[in-house]
Amino acid sequence: MSHQRRDARHSQENKAIRRPFRAAPAPVKDGPRANRDIRGVRDVQLIDDTGANRGVVSFFEALKIAEDAGLDLVEIAPNSVPPVCKILDYGRFRFLEQKKASEARKKQRTIEIKEIKLRPGIDKHDYDVKMKAMHGFFEEGDKVKVTLRFRGREMAHQDLGVKVLERVKADTVEVAKVESDWQLEGRQMVMVLAPR
């Protein structure tokens, strides 16, 4: 094989593979469309900056009214026919929407399920400590899963476990209700209590 042919083949192997150019996807804006972002619409139901309904007007006329007022044309109800647009200050509108969402998140609280583990032969002090923790969970609005575990030959004395769980029910009756009564799951009894 001649040097020229080998060099030609070698240069073909080392050529960079070119991928076709792909334009980056257009960034998706969250929130309503405003001004010239509103596309594919001929007419809009217009509400002006005073809150008065101006009726159905052409999109370009609505945009001109908004620009003359020094404000933005914002699409409020895009799915109605024709879409409802309002003239307002878009920056202030976004600020107020974010503030509302933040307030809603603050008020929202997830209920957690906390677990308290007990034994059939639990002594008085340990029981009192567990009950204090359980009352704290109920005050925070959390549910409590009470798990009573049996070891070895304790399975023969399930009545002791039932007594402990009945005692827990009686001691928490004022602050909690039984969401699911005790059930035997393998080598443990499980009961779920929810705050009142």
N, C-alpha and C. Protein backbone atom coordinates (compact mmCIF):
# COMPACT_ATOMS: atom_id res chain seq x y z
N MET A 1 0.86 -1.19 0.00
CA MET A 1 0.00 0.00 0.00
C MET A 1 0.89 1.23 0.00
N SER A 2 0.59 2.16 -0.87
CA SER A 2 1.42 3.35 -0.98
C SER A 2 1.15 4.28 0.18
N HIS A 3 2.12 5.18 0.42
CA HIS A 3 2.00 6.15 1.52
C HIS A 3 0.84 7.09 1.32
N GLN A 4 0.58 7.47 0.07
CA GLN A 4 -0.49 8.44 -0.19
C GLN A 4 -1.85 7.84 0.16
N ARG A 5 -2.08 6.60 -0.27
CA ARG A 5 -3.37 5.98 0.00
C ARG A 5 -3.57 5.79 1.52
N ARG A 6 -2.51 5.35 2.19
CA ARG A 6 -2.59 5.14 3.63
C ARG A 6 -2.84 6.44 4.36
N ASP A 7 -2.18 7.53 3.93
CA ASP A 7 -2.40 8.84 4.54
C ASP A 7 -3.82 9.33 4.29
N ALA A 8 -4.36 9.08 3.10
CA ALA A 8 -5.73 9.50 2.77
C ALA A 8 -6.73 8.75 3.67
N ARG A 9 -6.52 7.44 3.80
CA ARG A 9 -7.42 6.65 4.64
C ARG A 9 -7.32 7.09 6.10
N HIS A 10 -6.10 7.36 6.54
CA HIS A 10 -5.86 7.79 7.92
C HIS A 10 -6.53 9.14 8.20
N SER A 11 -6.48 10.05 7.24
CA SER A 11 -7.10 11.36 7.45
C SER A 11 -8.62 11.23 7.46
N GLN A 12 -9.20 10.27 6.71
CA GLN A 12 -10.65 10.07 6.73
C GLN A 12 -11.09 9.54 8.10
N GLU A 13 -10.31 8.67 8.69
CA GLU A 13 -10.65 8.11 9.99
C GLU A 13 -10.63 9.17 11.08
N ASN A 14 -9.75 10.14 10.95
CA ASN A 14 -9.60 11.15 11.99
C ASN A 14 -10.47 12.38 11.78
N LYS A 15 -11.27 12.38 10.72
CA LYS A 15 -12.13 13.54 10.49
C LYS A 15 -13.13 13.66 11.63
N ALA A 16 -13.38 14.88 12.03
CA ALA A 16 -14.36 15.11 13.09
C ALA A 16 -15.76 14.88 12.55
N ILE A 17 -16.56 14.24 13.37
CA ILE A 17 -17.95 14.01 12.98
C ILE A 17 -18.73 15.27 13.31
N ARG A 18 -19.37 15.83 12.28
CA ARG A 18 -20.14 17.06 12.49
C ARG A 18 -21.59 16.71 12.73
N ARG A 19 -22.12 17.26 13.80
CA ARG A 19 -23.53 17.05 14.10
C ARG A 19 -24.32 18.21 13.51
N PRO A 20 -25.55 17.94 13.05
CA PRO A 20 -26.36 19.04 12.50
C PRO A 20 -26.67 20.07 13.57
N PHE A 21 -26.72 21.34 13.15
CA PHE A 21 -26.99 22.44 14.09
C PHE A 21 -28.44 22.40 14.51
N ARG A 22 -28.65 22.44 15.82
CA ARG A 22 -30.02 22.51 16.33
C ARG A 22 -30.15 23.79 17.13
N ALA A 23 -31.17 24.56 16.82
CA ALA A 23 -31.41 25.79 17.57
C ALA A 23 -31.85 25.43 18.98
N ALA A 24 -31.42 26.22 19.93
CA ALA A 24 -31.82 25.98 21.32
C ALA A 24 -33.33 26.18 21.43
N PRO A 25 -34.00 25.35 22.25
CA PRO A 25 -35.44 25.53 22.38
C PRO A 25 -35.75 26.88 23.00
N ALA A 26 -36.84 27.47 22.54
CA ALA A 26 -37.23 28.79 23.06
C ALA A 26 -37.52 28.66 24.55
N PRO A 27 -37.03 29.60 25.35
CA PRO A 27 -37.27 29.50 26.78
C PRO A 27 -38.77 29.61 27.07
N VAL A 28 -39.24 28.72 27.94
CA VAL A 28 -40.65 28.73 28.29
C VAL A 28 -40.84 29.69 29.46
N LYS A 29 -41.68 30.68 29.24
CA LYS A 29 -41.91 31.67 30.30
C LYS A 29 -43.05 31.18 31.18
N ASP A 30 -42.85 31.30 32.47
CA ASP A 30 -43.95 30.96 33.36
C ASP A 30 -44.80 32.21 33.58
N GLY A 31 -46.06 31.99 33.81
CA GLY A 31 -46.95 33.12 34.00
C GLY A 31 -47.65 33.49 32.70
N PRO A 32 -48.52 34.45 32.75
CA PRO A 32 -49.30 34.82 31.56
C PRO A 32 -48.45 35.53 30.51
N ARG A 33 -48.90 35.46 29.25
CA ARG A 33 -48.20 36.14 28.16
C ARG A 33 -48.52 37.63 28.22
N ALA A 34 -47.57 38.43 27.77
CA ALA A 34 -47.78 39.88 27.81
C ALA A 34 -47.29 40.52 26.51
N ASN A 35 -47.93 41.63 26.14
CA ASN A 35 -47.56 42.46 24.99
C ASN A 35 -47.38 41.63 23.72
N ARG A 36 -46.20 41.67 23.11
CA ARG A 36 -45.99 41.00 21.82
C ARG A 36 -45.76 39.50 21.96
N ASP A 37 -45.71 38.98 23.19
CA ASP A 37 -45.64 37.53 23.39
C ASP A 37 -47.00 36.88 23.13
N ILE A 38 -48.05 37.68 23.11
CA ILE A 38 -49.39 37.16 22.82
C ILE A 38 -49.46 36.99 21.30
N ARG A 39 -49.49 35.74 20.84
CA ARG A 39 -49.45 35.47 19.40
C ARG A 39 -50.67 34.66 18.98
N GLY A 40 -50.98 34.75 17.70
CA GLY A 40 -52.06 33.94 17.14
C GLY A 40 -53.45 34.42 17.55
N VAL A 41 -53.55 35.69 17.89
CA VAL A 41 -54.84 36.24 18.36
C VAL A 41 -55.18 37.46 17.51
N ARG A 42 -56.39 37.48 16.97
CA ARG A 42 -56.81 38.66 16.19
C ARG A 42 -57.55 39.66 17.07
N ASP A 43 -58.51 39.14 17.86
CA ASP A 43 -59.33 39.99 18.72
C ASP A 43 -59.17 39.57 20.17
N VAL A 44 -59.36 40.54 21.08
CA VAL A 44 -59.30 40.25 22.51
C VAL A 44 -60.45 40.95 23.22
N GLN A 45 -60.85 40.37 24.32
CA GLN A 45 -61.81 41.02 25.23
C GLN A 45 -60.94 41.91 26.12
N LEU A 46 -61.11 43.22 26.06
CA LEU A 46 -60.19 44.14 26.73
C LEU A 46 -60.78 44.71 28.01
N ILE A 47 -59.98 44.63 29.07
CA ILE A 47 -60.31 45.30 30.33
C ILE A 47 -59.22 46.35 30.53
N ASP A 48 -59.61 47.62 30.63
CA ASP A 48 -58.60 48.68 30.70
C ASP A 48 -58.03 48.82 32.12
N ASP A 49 -57.11 49.78 32.28
CA ASP A 49 -56.39 49.93 33.56
C ASP A 49 -57.29 50.39 34.70
N THR A 50 -58.50 50.89 34.40
CA THR A 50 -59.43 51.29 35.47
C THR A 50 -60.33 50.13 35.88
N GLY A 51 -60.25 49.01 35.12
CA GLY A 51 -61.09 47.85 35.42
C GLY A 51 -62.36 47.82 34.60
N ALA A 52 -62.54 48.80 33.71
CA ALA A 52 -63.74 48.85 32.87
C ALA A 52 -63.60 47.91 31.69
N ASN A 53 -64.69 47.22 31.35
CA ASN A 53 -64.69 46.29 30.23
C ASN A 53 -64.93 47.08 28.94
N ARG A 54 -63.95 47.06 28.02
CA ARG A 54 -64.05 47.80 26.76
C ARG A 54 -64.66 46.95 25.64
N GLY A 55 -64.96 45.69 25.94
CA GLY A 55 -65.54 44.81 24.93
C GLY A 55 -64.48 44.19 24.04
N VAL A 56 -64.91 43.66 22.90
CA VAL A 56 -63.99 43.00 21.97
C VAL A 56 -63.36 44.04 21.05
N VAL A 57 -62.02 44.08 21.06
CA VAL A 57 -61.27 44.99 20.19
C VAL A 57 -60.17 44.19 19.51
N SER A 58 -59.59 44.74 18.45
CA SER A 58 -58.51 44.01 17.78
C SER A 58 -57.27 44.01 18.69
N PHE A 59 -56.44 42.99 18.51
CA PHE A 59 -55.24 42.85 19.33
C PHE A 59 -54.33 44.07 19.22
N PHE A 60 -54.12 44.55 18.00
CA PHE A 60 -53.20 45.68 17.79
C PHE A 60 -53.75 46.97 18.40
N GLU A 61 -55.06 47.13 18.35
CA GLU A 61 -55.67 48.30 18.98
C GLU A 61 -55.49 48.24 20.50
N ALA A 62 -55.69 47.05 21.07
CA ALA A 62 -55.52 46.87 22.52
C ALA A 62 -54.07 47.14 22.92
N LEU A 63 -53.13 46.66 22.10
CA LEU A 63 -51.71 46.87 22.37
C LEU A 63 -51.36 48.35 22.31
N LYS A 64 -51.94 49.07 21.35
CA LYS A 64 -51.68 50.51 21.22
C LYS A 64 -52.23 51.26 22.44
N ILE A 65 -53.43 50.90 22.89
CA ILE A 65 -54.03 51.54 24.08
C ILE A 65 -53.13 51.33 25.29
N ALA A 66 -52.61 50.09 25.44
CA ALA A 66 -51.72 49.78 26.57
C ALA A 66 -50.43 50.59 26.49
N GLU A 67 -49.83 50.66 25.31
CA GLU A 67 -48.57 51.40 25.13
C GLU A 67 -48.78 52.89 25.36
N ASP A 68 -49.92 53.42 24.91
CA ASP A 68 -50.22 54.84 25.13
C ASP A 68 -50.37 55.16 26.61
N ALA A 69 -50.87 54.18 27.37
CA ALA A 69 -51.03 54.38 28.82
C ALA A 69 -49.73 54.12 29.57
N GLY A 70 -48.70 53.64 28.87
CA GLY A 70 -47.41 53.33 29.50
C GLY A 70 -47.48 52.05 30.33
N LEU A 71 -48.40 51.16 29.99
CA LEU A 71 -48.59 49.91 30.73
C LEU A 71 -48.46 48.72 29.78
N ASP A 72 -48.74 47.53 30.30
CA ASP A 72 -48.62 46.30 29.52
C ASP A 72 -49.99 45.71 29.24
N LEU A 73 -50.08 44.97 28.13
CA LEU A 73 -51.28 44.21 27.81
C LEU A 73 -50.99 42.78 28.26
N VAL A 74 -51.76 42.29 29.23
CA VAL A 74 -51.50 40.97 29.83
C VAL A 74 -52.69 40.06 29.57
N GLU A 75 -52.40 38.85 29.10
CA GLU A 75 -53.44 37.86 28.81
C GLU A 75 -53.86 37.20 30.13
N ILE A 76 -55.08 37.48 30.59
CA ILE A 76 -55.57 36.97 31.87
C ILE A 76 -56.25 35.62 31.71
N ALA A 77 -57.11 35.48 30.70
CA ALA A 77 -57.83 34.22 30.46
C ALA A 77 -57.57 33.77 29.02
N PRO A 78 -56.47 33.02 28.78
CA PRO A 78 -56.10 32.65 27.41
C PRO A 78 -57.06 31.65 26.75
N ASN A 79 -57.81 30.86 27.55
CA ASN A 79 -58.64 29.81 26.97
C ASN A 79 -60.03 30.27 26.56
N SER A 80 -60.43 31.48 26.97
CA SER A 80 -61.75 31.95 26.57
C SER A 80 -61.69 32.46 25.13
N VAL A 81 -62.86 32.55 24.48
CA VAL A 81 -62.90 32.99 23.09
C VAL A 81 -63.72 34.27 23.02
N PRO A 82 -63.17 35.41 22.66
CA PRO A 82 -61.74 35.68 22.47
C PRO A 82 -61.03 35.76 23.83
N PRO A 83 -59.70 35.65 23.84
CA PRO A 83 -58.97 35.71 25.10
C PRO A 83 -59.19 37.04 25.82
N VAL A 84 -59.21 36.98 27.15
CA VAL A 84 -59.40 38.20 27.94
C VAL A 84 -58.03 38.78 28.25
N CYS A 85 -57.83 40.06 27.92
CA CYS A 85 -56.57 40.75 28.19
C CYS A 85 -56.86 41.97 29.05
N LYS A 86 -55.92 42.28 29.93
CA LYS A 86 -56.09 43.42 30.84
C LYS A 86 -54.88 44.34 30.70
N ILE A 87 -55.14 45.62 30.82
CA ILE A 87 -54.04 46.60 30.77
C ILE A 87 -53.60 46.85 32.21
N LEU A 88 -52.34 46.56 32.48
CA LEU A 88 -51.81 46.75 33.84
C LEU A 88 -50.29 46.81 33.82
N ASP A 89 -49.70 47.07 34.97
CA ASP A 89 -48.24 47.08 35.11
C ASP A 89 -47.80 45.64 35.34
N TYR A 90 -47.17 45.02 34.33
CA TYR A 90 -46.83 43.60 34.38
C TYR A 90 -45.85 43.27 35.51
N GLY A 91 -44.87 44.14 35.72
CA GLY A 91 -43.89 43.90 36.79
C GLY A 91 -44.56 43.84 38.15
N ARG A 92 -45.46 44.77 38.41
CA ARG A 92 -46.19 44.78 39.69
C ARG A 92 -47.11 43.56 39.79
N PHE A 93 -47.74 43.20 38.68
CA PHE A 93 -48.62 42.03 38.64
C PHE A 93 -47.85 40.76 39.02
N ARG A 94 -46.67 40.57 38.43
CA ARG A 94 -45.83 39.40 38.72
C ARG A 94 -45.42 39.39 40.19
N PHE A 95 -45.04 40.56 40.71
CA PHE A 95 -44.63 40.68 42.11
C PHE A 95 -45.76 40.23 43.03
N LEU A 96 -46.99 40.73 42.76
CA LEU A 96 -48.13 40.38 43.60
C LEU A 96 -48.48 38.89 43.51
N GLU A 97 -48.35 38.31 42.30
CA GLU A 97 -48.62 36.88 42.12
C GLU A 97 -47.62 36.04 42.92
N GLN A 98 -46.34 36.43 42.88
CA GLN A 98 -45.31 35.70 43.63
C GLN A 98 -45.54 35.82 45.12
N LYS A 99 -45.98 37.00 45.56
CA LYS A 99 -46.25 37.23 46.97
C LYS A 99 -47.41 36.33 47.44
N LYS A 100 -48.46 36.23 46.60
CA LYS A 100 -49.61 35.37 46.94
C LYS A 100 -49.17 33.92 47.04
N ALA A 101 -48.36 33.47 46.08
CA ALA A 101 -47.89 32.08 46.08
C ALA A 101 -47.04 31.80 47.30
N SER A 102 -46.20 32.77 47.69
CA SER A 102 -45.35 32.61 48.87
C SER A 102 -46.20 32.49 50.13
N GLU A 103 -47.24 33.33 50.24
CA GLU A 103 -48.14 33.26 51.41
C GLU A 103 -48.84 31.92 51.46
N ALA A 104 -49.27 31.42 50.31
CA ALA A 104 -49.96 30.13 50.26
C ALA A 104 -49.04 29.00 50.70
N ARG A 105 -47.74 29.08 50.30
CA ARG A 105 -46.78 28.05 50.71
C ARG A 105 -46.54 28.10 52.21
N LYS A 106 -46.54 29.30 52.79
CA LYS A 106 -46.31 29.42 54.24
C LYS A 106 -47.44 28.77 55.02
N LYS A 107 -48.68 28.95 54.52
CA LYS A 107 -49.84 28.41 55.24
C LYS A 107 -49.96 26.91 55.07
N GLN A 108 -49.39 26.39 53.98
CA GLN A 108 -49.48 24.97 53.70
C GLN A 108 -48.54 24.20 54.63
N ARG A 109 -49.04 23.14 55.25
CA ARG A 109 -48.21 22.36 56.15
C ARG A 109 -48.40 20.89 55.84
N THR A 110 -47.30 20.18 55.73
CA THR A 110 -47.40 18.75 55.46
C THR A 110 -47.50 18.01 56.80
N ILE A 111 -48.42 17.07 56.86
CA ILE A 111 -48.58 16.28 58.08
C ILE A 111 -47.62 15.10 57.99
N GLU A 112 -46.79 14.98 58.99
CA GLU A 112 -45.83 13.89 59.01
C GLU A 112 -46.33 12.79 59.93
N ILE A 113 -45.85 11.59 59.69
CA ILE A 113 -46.16 10.49 60.59
C ILE A 113 -44.90 10.18 61.37
N LYS A 114 -44.96 10.42 62.68
CA LYS A 114 -43.83 10.13 63.56
C LYS A 114 -44.03 8.74 64.12
N GLU A 115 -42.94 8.08 64.47
CA GLU A 115 -43.06 6.72 65.01
C GLU A 115 -42.55 6.66 66.44
N ILE A 116 -43.32 6.00 67.28
CA ILE A 116 -42.92 5.74 68.67
C ILE A 116 -42.84 4.22 68.82
N LYS A 117 -41.71 3.73 69.29
CA LYS A 117 -41.53 2.28 69.45
C LYS A 117 -41.65 1.91 70.92
N LEU A 118 -42.44 0.91 71.18
CA LEU A 118 -42.66 0.42 72.54
C LEU A 118 -42.34 -1.06 72.62
N ARG A 119 -42.26 -1.56 73.88
CA ARG A 119 -42.04 -3.00 74.14
C ARG A 119 -43.15 -3.46 75.09
N PRO A 120 -43.50 -4.73 75.06
CA PRO A 120 -44.58 -5.21 75.94
C PRO A 120 -44.26 -5.01 77.42
N GLY A 121 -43.01 -5.14 77.81
CA GLY A 121 -42.64 -5.02 79.22
C GLY A 121 -42.02 -3.66 79.54
N ILE A 122 -42.50 -2.58 78.93
CA ILE A 122 -41.92 -1.25 79.12
C ILE A 122 -42.12 -0.79 80.57
N ASP A 123 -41.09 -0.18 81.16
CA ASP A 123 -41.24 0.27 82.55
C ASP A 123 -41.88 1.67 82.59
N LYS A 124 -42.30 2.10 83.75
CA LYS A 124 -43.10 3.33 83.90
C LYS A 124 -42.36 4.57 83.38
N HIS A 125 -41.09 4.71 83.74
CA HIS A 125 -40.34 5.90 83.33
C HIS A 125 -40.22 5.99 81.80
N ASP A 126 -39.85 4.87 81.16
CA ASP A 126 -39.72 4.86 79.70
C ASP A 126 -41.06 5.18 79.03
N TYR A 127 -42.13 4.63 79.60
CA TYR A 127 -43.47 4.88 79.07
C TYR A 127 -43.81 6.37 79.17
N ASP A 128 -43.49 6.98 80.30
CA ASP A 128 -43.79 8.41 80.49
C ASP A 128 -43.01 9.27 79.50
N VAL A 129 -41.75 8.93 79.24
CA VAL A 129 -40.93 9.67 78.29
C VAL A 129 -41.54 9.56 76.88
N LYS A 130 -41.95 8.35 76.50
CA LYS A 130 -42.56 8.15 75.18
C LYS A 130 -43.87 8.93 75.06
N MET A 131 -44.67 8.95 76.14
CA MET A 131 -45.95 9.66 76.11
C MET A 131 -45.72 11.17 75.97
N LYS A 132 -44.68 11.68 76.63
CA LYS A 132 -44.38 13.11 76.53
C LYS A 132 -44.01 13.47 75.09
N ALA A 133 -43.20 12.62 74.45
CA ALA A 133 -42.82 12.85 73.05
C ALA A 133 -44.05 12.78 72.15
N MET A 134 -44.94 11.83 72.43
CA MET A 134 -46.15 11.66 71.63
C MET A 134 -47.04 12.90 71.72
N HIS A 135 -47.21 13.43 72.93
CA HIS A 135 -48.01 14.64 73.12
C HIS A 135 -47.40 15.81 72.35
N GLY A 136 -46.08 15.90 72.32
CA GLY A 136 -45.40 16.95 71.56
C GLY A 136 -45.70 16.83 70.07
N PHE A 137 -45.70 15.60 69.55
CA PHE A 137 -46.01 15.38 68.13
C PHE A 137 -47.44 15.82 67.82
N PHE A 138 -48.37 15.49 68.73
CA PHE A 138 -49.78 15.86 68.51
C PHE A 138 -49.95 17.38 68.52
N GLU A 139 -49.21 18.07 69.37
CA GLU A 139 -49.30 19.54 69.43
C GLU A 139 -48.82 20.18 68.13
N GLU A 140 -47.84 19.54 67.48
CA GLU A 140 -47.31 20.05 66.21
C GLU A 140 -48.20 19.66 65.03
N GLY A 141 -49.24 18.87 65.30
CA GLY A 141 -50.18 18.49 64.25
C GLY A 141 -49.78 17.23 63.49
N ASP A 142 -48.83 16.46 64.01
CA ASP A 142 -48.38 15.25 63.33
C ASP A 142 -49.14 14.02 63.81
N LYS A 143 -49.20 13.02 62.93
CA LYS A 143 -49.77 11.73 63.31
C LYS A 143 -48.68 10.91 63.97
N VAL A 144 -49.08 9.91 64.76
CA VAL A 144 -48.09 9.06 65.43
C VAL A 144 -48.41 7.60 65.14
N LYS A 145 -47.39 6.89 64.68
CA LYS A 145 -47.50 5.45 64.47
C LYS A 145 -46.85 4.78 65.68
N VAL A 146 -47.66 4.05 66.44
CA VAL A 146 -47.14 3.36 67.64
C VAL A 146 -46.81 1.94 67.23
N THR A 147 -45.55 1.55 67.37
CA THR A 147 -45.11 0.21 67.02
C THR A 147 -44.68 -0.51 68.28
N LEU A 148 -45.31 -1.64 68.55
CA LEU A 148 -44.96 -2.44 69.73
C LEU A 148 -44.34 -3.73 69.22
N ARG A 149 -43.06 -3.92 69.51
CA ARG A 149 -42.31 -5.05 68.96
C ARG A 149 -42.15 -6.17 69.98
N PHE A 150 -42.35 -7.39 69.52
CA PHE A 150 -42.17 -8.58 70.36
C PHE A 150 -40.86 -9.26 70.00
N ARG A 151 -40.16 -9.75 71.01
CA ARG A 151 -38.92 -10.49 70.78
C ARG A 151 -39.07 -11.90 71.33
N GLY A 152 -38.54 -12.85 70.61
CA GLY A 152 -38.49 -14.23 71.09
C GLY A 152 -39.82 -14.77 71.59
N ARG A 153 -39.83 -15.21 72.89
CA ARG A 153 -41.01 -15.85 73.46
C ARG A 153 -42.10 -14.87 73.85
N GLU A 154 -41.83 -13.58 73.71
CA GLU A 154 -42.87 -12.58 74.02
C GLU A 154 -44.09 -12.74 73.12
N MET A 155 -43.91 -13.36 71.95
CA MET A 155 -45.04 -13.58 71.03
C MET A 155 -46.13 -14.42 71.69
N ALA A 156 -45.76 -15.23 72.65
CA ALA A 156 -46.74 -16.08 73.35
C ALA A 156 -47.61 -15.23 74.29
N HIS A 157 -47.17 -14.02 74.61
CA HIS A 157 -47.91 -13.15 75.54
C HIS A 157 -48.35 -11.87 74.84
N GLN A 158 -49.10 -12.01 73.75
CA GLN A 158 -49.57 -10.86 72.99
C GLN A 158 -50.54 -10.01 73.81
N ASP A 159 -51.17 -10.64 74.82
CA ASP A 159 -52.12 -9.89 75.66
C ASP A 159 -51.41 -8.73 76.38
N LEU A 160 -50.11 -8.91 76.71
CA LEU A 160 -49.35 -7.81 77.35
C LEU A 160 -49.21 -6.63 76.39
N GLY A 161 -48.97 -6.93 75.11
CA GLY A 161 -48.86 -5.88 74.10
C GLY A 161 -50.18 -5.15 73.92
N VAL A 162 -51.28 -5.90 73.91
CA VAL A 162 -52.61 -5.29 73.76
C VAL A 162 -52.88 -4.36 74.94
N LYS A 163 -52.49 -4.77 76.14
CA LYS A 163 -52.69 -3.92 77.33
C LYS A 163 -51.92 -2.60 77.21
N VAL A 164 -50.69 -2.67 76.71
CA VAL A 164 -49.87 -1.46 76.56
C VAL A 164 -50.53 -0.51 75.54
N LEU A 165 -51.00 -1.06 74.42
CA LEU A 165 -51.62 -0.22 73.39
C LEU A 165 -52.95 0.36 73.87
N GLU A 166 -53.71 -0.41 74.65
CA GLU A 166 -54.97 0.12 75.21
C GLU A 166 -54.67 1.25 76.20
N ARG A 167 -53.57 1.09 76.94
CA ARG A 167 -53.16 2.14 77.89
C ARG A 167 -52.78 3.42 77.13
N VAL A 168 -52.07 3.26 75.99
CA VAL A 168 -51.70 4.42 75.17
C VAL A 168 -52.97 5.11 74.68
N LYS A 169 -53.95 4.33 74.20
CA LYS A 169 -55.22 4.90 73.72
C LYS A 169 -55.90 5.70 74.83
N ALA A 170 -55.95 5.13 76.03
CA ALA A 170 -56.62 5.79 77.15
C ALA A 170 -55.89 7.07 77.56
N ASP A 171 -54.55 7.05 77.51
CA ASP A 171 -53.77 8.21 77.94
C ASP A 171 -53.77 9.35 76.91
N THR A 172 -54.13 9.05 75.66
CA THR A 172 -54.11 10.09 74.62
C THR A 172 -55.51 10.44 74.13
N VAL A 173 -56.56 9.92 74.79
CA VAL A 173 -57.93 10.10 74.30
C VAL A 173 -58.33 11.56 74.19
N GLU A 174 -57.78 12.45 75.02
CA GLU A 174 -58.15 13.87 74.98
C GLU A 174 -57.45 14.63 73.85
N VAL A 175 -56.28 14.19 73.44
CA VAL A 175 -55.53 14.93 72.42
C VAL A 175 -55.48 14.24 71.07
N ALA A 176 -55.85 12.95 71.01
CA ALA A 176 -55.73 12.21 69.76
C ALA A 176 -56.88 11.23 69.58
N LYS A 177 -57.11 10.88 68.32
CA LYS A 177 -58.10 9.86 68.00
C LYS A 177 -57.40 8.71 67.28
N VAL A 178 -57.98 7.54 67.37
CA VAL A 178 -57.38 6.37 66.73
C VAL A 178 -57.75 6.39 65.25
N GLU A 179 -56.72 6.49 64.40
CA GLU A 179 -56.97 6.48 62.97
C GLU A 179 -57.05 5.06 62.44
N SER A 180 -56.16 4.20 62.90
CA SER A 180 -56.28 2.76 62.60
C SER A 180 -55.90 2.00 63.86
N ASP A 181 -56.81 1.14 64.29
CA ASP A 181 -56.62 0.39 65.54
C ASP A 181 -55.48 -0.60 65.36
N TRP A 182 -55.01 -1.17 66.48
CA TRP A 182 -53.84 -2.02 66.44
C TRP A 182 -54.08 -3.25 65.56
N GLN A 183 -53.02 -3.62 64.86
CA GLN A 183 -53.03 -4.81 64.02
C GLN A 183 -51.70 -5.52 64.21
N LEU A 184 -51.74 -6.82 64.13
CA LEU A 184 -50.53 -7.62 64.26
C LEU A 184 -49.88 -7.73 62.89
N GLU A 185 -48.64 -7.25 62.77
CA GLU A 185 -47.89 -7.34 61.52
C GLU A 185 -46.59 -8.07 61.81
N GLY A 186 -46.57 -9.36 61.54
CA GLY A 186 -45.37 -10.16 61.84
C GLY A 186 -45.14 -10.23 63.33
N ARG A 187 -43.99 -9.71 63.79
CA ARG A 187 -43.65 -9.75 65.21
C ARG A 187 -43.92 -8.42 65.90
N GLN A 188 -44.81 -7.61 65.33
CA GLN A 188 -45.10 -6.32 65.96
C GLN A 188 -46.58 -5.94 65.81
N MET A 189 -47.04 -5.13 66.74
CA MET A 189 -48.40 -4.59 66.67
C MET A 189 -48.26 -3.12 66.31
N VAL A 190 -49.11 -2.66 65.37
CA VAL A 190 -49.01 -1.28 64.89
C VAL A 190 -50.37 -0.60 65.04
N MET A 191 -50.32 0.67 65.53
CA MET A 191 -51.53 1.46 65.69
C MET A 191 -51.19 2.88 65.27
N VAL A 192 -52.12 3.56 64.58
CA VAL A 192 -51.87 4.94 64.14
C VAL A 192 -52.86 5.88 64.83
N LEU A 193 -52.32 6.93 65.45
CA LEU A 193 -53.14 7.94 66.14
C LEU A 193 -52.98 9.28 65.42
N ALA A 194 -54.07 10.03 65.33
CA ALA A 194 -54.03 11.36 64.70
C ALA A 194 -54.47 12.40 65.70
N PRO A 195 -53.93 13.62 65.62
CA PRO A 195 -54.34 14.66 66.58
C PRO A 195 -55.80 15.05 66.39
N ARG A 196 -56.45 15.46 67.47
CA ARG A 196 -57.86 15.89 67.38
C ARG A 196 -57.92 17.31 66.87
